[in-house]
Amino acid sequence: MQTAGIAAFASPASAAGDMPAPRLEGKDTPKIALSVADGGGGATQPGTPSNPPADSARRIKQLGVDWVLSGGGPIPWDETRLKDQMEGLKASGLNLGNLMIGGFNNAIYGRPGRDEEIEKVIASIQAAGKAGLPVIEYNWYAHRAMEGYFEETDDVRTGVGWTASAPRKLPSSSATCLPCPMRAPTRCKKCGPPSPTS
């Protein structure tokens, strides 16, 4: 029995010797990124550009992450503001790799004002290109139905948390509620209980 135990401990050591060396991040490798708010400096509102406080940036760096993503703020974006945001992050040892662009619901839904919003998106893309931002992220689909999501915390299991949702109303004039995709037993904190038709 002791011989079997010793052999079991010896196997991983020899297998570890056959493992390849870690692959280092380089110019042409994918980048691991965290949200600017993931450093624990307090979450910002979606779409709000921010630079993390020094302690938050330090926590992100301690995880071995050099790239962050954030919201880009209201459109149209300005090259100077984007460069200031990128330089502020660079001073903390972080690189801005991705900004989420939003604020063009009239264009998504084909409503009046869509042409003006499309021009603002174009101007924002041009400003991002001039500032050297590598990625702009966007969601271009109607009825994403993202309203109604909220954070839940389980106090029994030392504050374990998750994002939950409950029946919610679509962002149109419709009063129809959608069923909760997670089958949450609670009701949405934003729009309240579901309608009787859901």
C-alpha atoms as a PDB file:
ATOM      1  CA  MET A   1       0.000   0.000   0.000  1.00  0.00           C
ATOM      2  CA  GLN A   2       2.836   2.422   0.842  1.00  0.00           C
ATOM      3  CA  THR A   3       4.532   1.610  -2.452  1.00  0.00           C
ATOM      4  CA  ALA A   4       1.349   2.443  -4.371  1.00  0.00           C
ATOM      5  CA  GLY A   5       1.043   5.746  -2.492  1.00  0.00           C
ATOM      6  CA  ILE A   6       4.637   6.717  -3.248  1.00  0.00           C
ATOM      7  CA  ALA A   7       4.196   5.807  -6.920  1.00  0.00           C
ATOM      8  CA  ALA A   8       1.065   7.963  -7.103  1.00  0.00           C
ATOM      9  CA  PHE A   9       2.967  10.981  -5.800  1.00  0.00           C
ATOM     10  CA  ALA A  10       5.858  10.363  -8.171  1.00  0.00           C
ATOM     11  CA  SER A  11       3.708  10.336 -11.322  1.00  0.00           C
ATOM     12  CA  PRO A  12       2.653  14.009 -11.351  1.00  0.00           C
ATOM     13  CA  ALA A  13       6.245  15.160 -10.940  1.00  0.00           C
ATOM     14  CA  SER A  14       7.377  13.275 -14.017  1.00  0.00           C
ATOM     15  CA  ALA A  15       4.319  14.410 -15.986  1.00  0.00           C
ATOM     16  CA  ALA A  16       5.015  18.017 -15.002  1.00  0.00           C
ATOM     17  CA  GLY A  17       8.487  17.734 -16.501  1.00  0.00           C
ATOM     18  CA  ASP A  18       6.885  17.023 -19.889  1.00  0.00           C
ATOM     19  CA  MET A  19       4.700  20.143 -19.830  1.00  0.00           C
ATOM     20  CA  PRO A  20       5.603  22.926 -22.252  1.00  0.00           C
ATOM     21  CA  ALA A  21       6.800  26.250 -20.908  1.00  0.00           C
ATOM     22  CA  PRO A  22       4.143  28.929 -20.373  1.00  0.00           C
ATOM     23  CA  ARG A  23       3.218  30.868 -23.485  1.00  0.00           C
ATOM     24  CA  LEU A  24       4.016  34.532 -23.008  1.00  0.00           C
ATOM     25  CA  GLU A  25       1.731  37.265 -24.234  1.00  0.00           C
ATOM     26  CA  GLY A  26       3.073  39.003 -27.299  1.00  0.00           C
ATOM     27  CA  LYS A  27       2.058  41.353 -30.070  1.00  0.00           C
ATOM     28  CA  ASP A  28       0.124  38.672 -31.946  1.00  0.00           C
ATOM     29  CA  THR A  29      -1.382  36.707 -29.042  1.00  0.00           C
ATOM     30  CA  PRO A  30      -4.898  37.154 -27.632  1.00  0.00           C
ATOM     31  CA  LYS A  31      -5.132  39.513 -24.669  1.00  0.00           C
ATOM     32  CA  ILE A  32      -6.736  38.677 -21.351  1.00  0.00           C
ATOM     33  CA  ALA A  33      -8.803  41.682 -20.273  1.00  0.00           C
ATOM     34  CA  LEU A  34     -10.929  42.662 -17.304  1.00  0.00           C
ATOM     35  CA  SER A  35     -13.544  45.352 -16.930  1.00  0.00           C
ATOM     36  CA  VAL A  36     -12.210  48.564 -15.418  1.00  0.00           C
ATOM     37  CA  ALA A  37     -14.633  48.009 -12.514  1.00  0.00           C
ATOM     38  CA  ASP A  38     -13.242  44.520 -11.782  1.00  0.00           C
ATOM     39  CA  GLY A  39     -10.434  46.020  -9.704  1.00  0.00           C
ATOM     40  CA  GLY A  40     -12.908  46.643  -6.911  1.00  0.00           C
ATOM     41  CA  GLY A  41     -12.894  50.404  -7.174  1.00  0.00           C
ATOM     42  CA  GLY A  42     -16.651  50.581  -7.495  1.00  0.00           C
ATOM     43  CA  ALA A  43     -18.695  49.861 -10.573  1.00  0.00           C
ATOM     44  CA  THR A  44     -19.493  52.629 -12.969  1.00  0.00           C
ATOM     45  CA  GLN A  45     -22.743  52.991 -14.838  1.00  0.00           C
ATOM     46  CA  PRO A  46     -22.761  51.078 -18.138  1.00  0.00           C
ATOM     47  CA  GLY A  47     -21.481  53.274 -20.939  1.00  0.00           C
ATOM     48  CA  THR A  48     -19.608  55.577 -18.575  1.00  0.00           C
ATOM     49  CA  PRO A  49     -15.901  55.930 -19.307  1.00  0.00           C
ATOM     50  CA  SER A  50     -13.685  55.727 -16.273  1.00  0.00           C
ATOM     51  CA  ASN A  51     -10.175  55.119 -15.115  1.00  0.00           C
ATOM     52  CA  PRO A  52      -9.774  52.976 -12.018  1.00  0.00           C
ATOM     53  CA  PRO A  53      -8.297  54.414  -8.839  1.00  0.00           C
ATOM     54  CA  ALA A  54      -4.674  53.411  -8.219  1.00  0.00           C
ATOM     55  CA  ASP A  55      -5.585  50.603  -5.801  1.00  0.00           C
ATOM     56  CA  SER A  56      -8.065  49.104  -8.298  1.00  0.00           C
ATOM     57  CA  ALA A  57      -5.508  49.249 -11.105  1.00  0.00           C
ATOM     58  CA  ARG A  58      -2.966  47.594  -8.805  1.00  0.00           C
ATOM     59  CA  ARG A  59      -5.397  44.723  -8.071  1.00  0.00           C
ATOM     60  CA  ILE A  60      -5.959  44.185 -11.803  1.00  0.00           C
ATOM     61  CA  LYS A  61      -2.179  44.188 -12.401  1.00  0.00           C
ATOM     62  CA  GLN A  62      -1.626  41.729  -9.518  1.00  0.00           C
ATOM     63  CA  LEU A  63      -3.827  39.263 -11.385  1.00  0.00           C
ATOM     64  CA  GLY A  64      -1.388  39.478 -14.288  1.00  0.00           C
ATOM     65  CA  VAL A  65      -3.805  41.397 -16.493  1.00  0.00           C
ATOM     66  CA  ASP A  66      -2.525  44.291 -18.578  1.00  0.00           C
ATOM     67  CA  TRP A  67      -5.633  45.046 -20.660  1.00  0.00           C
ATOM     68  CA  VAL A  68      -9.003  46.464 -19.617  1.00  0.00           C
ATOM     69  CA  LEU A  69     -12.333  47.195 -21.244  1.00  0.00           C
ATOM     70  CA  SER A  70     -14.979  49.752 -20.409  1.00  0.00           C
ATOM     71  CA  GLY A  71     -17.956  51.685 -21.672  1.00  0.00           C
ATOM     72  CA  GLY A  72     -17.237  54.526 -24.010  1.00  0.00           C
ATOM     73  CA  GLY A  73     -19.687  57.110 -22.720  1.00  0.00           C
ATOM     74  CA  PRO A  74     -22.158  59.116 -24.777  1.00  0.00           C
ATOM     75  CA  ILE A  75     -21.728  59.392 -28.542  1.00  0.00           C
ATOM     76  CA  PRO A  76     -20.188  61.012 -30.461  1.00  0.00           C
ATOM     77  CA  TRP A  77     -16.852  60.175 -28.913  1.00  0.00           C
ATOM     78  CA  ASP A  78     -14.066  62.738 -28.991  1.00  0.00           C
ATOM     79  CA  GLU A  79     -10.487  61.788 -29.892  1.00  0.00           C
ATOM     80  CA  THR A  80      -9.022  63.951 -27.113  1.00  0.00           C
ATOM     81  CA  ARG A  81     -11.235  62.409 -24.430  1.00  0.00           C
ATOM     82  CA  LEU A  82     -10.412  58.885 -25.641  1.00  0.00           C
ATOM     83  CA  LYS A  83      -6.672  59.639 -25.616  1.00  0.00           C
ATOM     84  CA  ASP A  84      -6.965  61.080 -22.088  1.00  0.00           C
ATOM     85  CA  GLN A  85      -8.757  57.934 -20.933  1.00  0.00           C
ATOM     86  CA  MET A  86      -6.153  55.687 -22.578  1.00  0.00           C
ATOM     87  CA  GLU A  87      -3.242  57.699 -21.146  1.00  0.00           C
ATOM     88  CA  GLY A  88      -4.776  57.657 -17.644  1.00  0.00           C
ATOM     89  CA  LEU A  89      -4.952  53.884 -17.788  1.00  0.00           C
ATOM     90  CA  LYS A  90      -1.437  53.662 -19.235  1.00  0.00           C
ATOM     91  CA  ALA A  91      -0.152  55.663 -16.237  1.00  0.00           C
ATOM     92  CA  SER A  92      -1.575  52.869 -14.042  1.00  0.00           C
ATOM     93  CA  GLY A  93       0.174  50.218 -16.144  1.00  0.00           C
ATOM     94  CA  LEU A  94      -2.997  49.194 -18.008  1.00  0.00           C
ATOM     95  CA  ASN A  95      -3.910  49.278 -21.684  1.00  0.00           C
ATOM     96  CA  LEU A  96      -7.413  50.091 -22.887  1.00  0.00           C
ATOM     97  CA  GLY A  97      -8.277  47.361 -25.356  1.00  0.00           C
ATOM     98  CA  ASN A  98     -12.033  47.643 -25.854  1.00  0.00           C
ATOM     99  CA  LEU A  99     -14.801  50.204 -25.433  1.00  0.00           C
ATOM    100  CA  MET A 100     -18.502  49.389 -25.699  1.00  0.00           C
ATOM    101  CA  ILE A 101     -20.389  51.859 -27.854  1.00  0.00           C
ATOM    102  CA  GLY A 102     -24.067  52.454 -27.287  1.00  0.00           C
ATOM    103  CA  GLY A 103     -26.691  55.150 -27.406  1.00  0.00           C
ATOM    104  CA  PHE A 104     -28.127  54.546 -30.866  1.00  0.00           C
ATOM    105  CA  ASN A 105     -31.483  52.916 -30.147  1.00  0.00           C
ATOM    106  CA  ASN A 106     -33.245  55.032 -32.782  1.00  0.00           C
ATOM    107  CA  ALA A 107     -30.944  53.499 -35.397  1.00  0.00           C
ATOM    108  CA  ILE A 108     -31.500  49.978 -34.052  1.00  0.00           C
ATOM    109  CA  TYR A 109     -35.287  50.335 -34.029  1.00  0.00           C
ATOM    110  CA  GLY A 110     -35.473  52.338 -37.279  1.00  0.00           C
ATOM    111  CA  ARG A 111     -37.070  55.329 -35.553  1.00  0.00           C
ATOM    112  CA  PRO A 112     -36.819  59.029 -36.405  1.00  0.00           C
ATOM    113  CA  GLY A 113     -33.392  60.360 -35.469  1.00  0.00           C
ATOM    114  CA  ARG A 114     -31.617  57.218 -36.691  1.00  0.00           C
ATOM    115  CA  ASP A 115     -29.582  59.047 -39.339  1.00  0.00           C
ATOM    116  CA  GLU A 116     -28.194  61.469 -36.753  1.00  0.00           C
ATOM    117  CA  GLU A 117     -27.261  58.568 -34.471  1.00  0.00           C
ATOM    118  CA  ILE A 118     -25.559  56.712 -37.307  1.00  0.00           C
ATOM    119  CA  GLU A 119     -23.481  59.838 -37.998  1.00  0.00           C
ATOM    120  CA  LYS A 120     -22.521  59.944 -34.307  1.00  0.00           C
ATOM    121  CA  VAL A 121     -21.452  56.282 -34.435  1.00  0.00           C
ATOM    122  CA  ILE A 122     -19.353  56.959 -37.543  1.00  0.00           C
ATOM    123  CA  ALA A 123     -17.726  59.970 -35.853  1.00  0.00           C
ATOM    124  CA  SER A 124     -17.037  57.834 -32.765  1.00  0.00           C
ATOM    125  CA  ILE A 125     -15.405  55.079 -34.823  1.00  0.00           C
ATOM    126  CA  GLN A 126     -13.225  57.655 -36.554  1.00  0.00           C
ATOM    127  CA  ALA A 127     -12.224  59.233 -33.205  1.00  0.00           C
ATOM    128  CA  ALA A 128     -11.382  55.788 -31.783  1.00  0.00           C
ATOM    129  CA  GLY A 129      -9.234  54.987 -34.816  1.00  0.00           C
ATOM    130  CA  LYS A 130      -7.325  58.258 -34.499  1.00  0.00           C
ATOM    131  CA  ALA A 131      -6.831  57.669 -30.763  1.00  0.00           C
ATOM    132  CA  GLY A 132      -5.450  54.173 -31.414  1.00  0.00           C
ATOM    133  CA  LEU A 133      -8.204  52.184 -29.673  1.00  0.00           C
ATOM    134  CA  PRO A 134      -7.887  48.571 -30.903  1.00  0.00           C
ATOM    135  CA  VAL A 135     -11.516  47.392 -30.475  1.00  0.00           C
ATOM    136  CA  ILE A 136     -14.986  48.916 -30.415  1.00  0.00           C
ATOM    137  CA  GLU A 137     -17.679  46.538 -29.197  1.00  0.00           C
ATOM    138  CA  TYR A 138     -21.335  46.967 -30.049  1.00  0.00           C
ATOM    139  CA  ASN A 139     -24.623  45.115 -29.938  1.00  0.00           C
ATOM    140  CA  TRP A 140     -26.831  45.714 -32.943  1.00  0.00           C
ATOM    141  CA  TYR A 141     -29.995  43.796 -32.352  1.00  0.00           C
ATOM    142  CA  ALA A 142     -33.460  44.817 -31.378  1.00  0.00           C
ATOM    143  CA  HIS A 143     -35.270  43.296 -28.445  1.00  0.00           C
ATOM    144  CA  ARG A 144     -32.187  42.238 -26.566  1.00  0.00           C
ATOM    145  CA  ALA A 145     -34.479  42.418 -23.543  1.00  0.00           C
ATOM    146  CA  MET A 146     -31.643  43.254 -21.169  1.00  0.00           C
ATOM    147  CA  GLU A 147     -33.753  45.353 -18.845  1.00  0.00           C
ATOM    148  CA  GLY A 148     -34.684  43.674 -15.609  1.00  0.00           C
ATOM    149  CA  TYR A 149     -31.350  42.096 -14.708  1.00  0.00           C
ATOM    150  CA  PHE A 150     -30.142  42.625 -11.162  1.00  0.00           C
ATOM    151  CA  GLU A 151     -27.468  41.395  -8.795  1.00  0.00           C
ATOM    152  CA  GLU A 152     -28.305  38.799  -6.143  1.00  0.00           C
ATOM    153  CA  THR A 153     -26.141  37.904  -3.148  1.00  0.00           C
ATOM    154  CA  ASP A 154     -26.396  34.761  -1.052  1.00  0.00           C
ATOM    155  CA  ASP A 155     -25.554  35.758   2.525  1.00  0.00           C
ATOM    156  CA  VAL A 156     -25.563  32.129   3.662  1.00  0.00           C
ATOM    157  CA  ARG A 157     -22.615  31.242   1.409  1.00  0.00           C
ATOM    158  CA  THR A 158     -20.350  34.154   2.371  1.00  0.00           C
ATOM    159  CA  GLY A 159     -21.660  36.646  -0.146  1.00  0.00           C
ATOM    160  CA  VAL A 160     -21.629  34.512  -3.304  1.00  0.00           C
ATOM    161  CA  GLY A 161     -23.224  36.614  -6.012  1.00  0.00           C
ATOM    162  CA  TRP A 162     -24.735  36.254  -9.448  1.00  0.00           C
ATOM    163  CA  THR A 163     -26.697  38.203 -12.008  1.00  0.00           C
ATOM    164  CA  ALA A 164     -30.360  37.264 -12.096  1.00  0.00           C
ATOM    165  CA  SER A 165     -33.440  38.370 -13.956  1.00  0.00           C
ATOM    166  CA  ALA A 166     -37.157  38.129 -13.622  1.00  0.00           C
ATOM    167  CA  PRO A 167     -40.058  38.850 -15.963  1.00  0.00           C
ATOM    168  CA  ARG A 168     -39.524  42.261 -17.486  1.00  0.00           C
ATOM    169  CA  LYS A 169     -41.001  44.621 -20.006  1.00  0.00           C
ATOM    170  CA  LEU A 170     -39.530  45.138 -23.437  1.00  0.00           C
ATOM    171  CA  PRO A 171     -37.979  48.558 -24.068  1.00  0.00           C
ATOM    172  CA  SER A 172     -40.814  49.451 -26.474  1.00  0.00           C
ATOM    173  CA  SER A 173     -44.307  50.706 -25.732  1.00  0.00           C
ATOM    174  CA  SER A 174     -45.478  47.103 -25.322  1.00  0.00           C
ATOM    175  CA  ALA A 175     -46.612  46.111 -21.842  1.00  0.00           C
ATOM    176  CA  THR A 176     -45.911  42.437 -22.492  1.00  0.00           C
ATOM    177  CA  CYS A 177     -43.509  40.881 -19.994  1.00  0.00           C
ATOM    178  CA  LEU A 178     -41.092  38.158 -20.974  1.00  0.00           C
ATOM    179  CA  PRO A 179     -40.630  35.028 -18.873  1.00  0.00           C
ATOM    180  CA  CYS A 180     -37.459  34.933 -16.827  1.00  0.00           C
ATOM    181  CA  PRO A 181     -34.780  32.935 -18.686  1.00  0.00           C
ATOM    182  CA  MET A 182     -33.265  31.874 -15.353  1.00  0.00           C
ATOM    183  CA  ARG A 183     -36.653  31.014 -13.796  1.00  0.00           C
ATOM    184  CA  ALA A 184     -35.803  33.276 -10.873  1.00  0.00           C
ATOM    185  CA  PRO A 185     -38.235  32.962  -7.950  1.00  0.00           C
ATOM    186  CA  THR A 186     -37.945  36.682  -7.191  1.00  0.00           C
ATOM    187  CA  ARG A 187     -39.397  39.593  -9.108  1.00  0.00           C
ATOM    188  CA  CYS A 188     -37.452  42.144 -11.068  1.00  0.00           C
ATOM    189  CA  LYS A 189     -36.382  45.056  -8.887  1.00  0.00           C
ATOM    190  CA  LYS A 190     -36.698  47.409 -11.852  1.00  0.00           C
ATOM    191  CA  CYS A 191     -40.141  46.731 -13.349  1.00  0.00           C
ATOM    192  CA  GLY A 192     -41.866  44.789 -10.561  1.00  0.00           C
ATOM    193  CA  PRO A 193     -44.068  41.717 -10.792  1.00  0.00           C
ATOM    194  CA  PRO A 194     -44.957  40.209 -14.155  1.00  0.00           C
ATOM    195  CA  SER A 195     -48.152  41.096 -15.947  1.00  0.00           C
ATOM    196  CA  PRO A 196     -51.068  38.670 -15.622  1.00  0.00           C
ATOM    197  CA  THR A 197     -50.531  37.620 -19.256  1.00  0.00           C
ATOM    198  CA  SER A 198     -46.978  36.337 -18.754  1.00  0.00           C
END
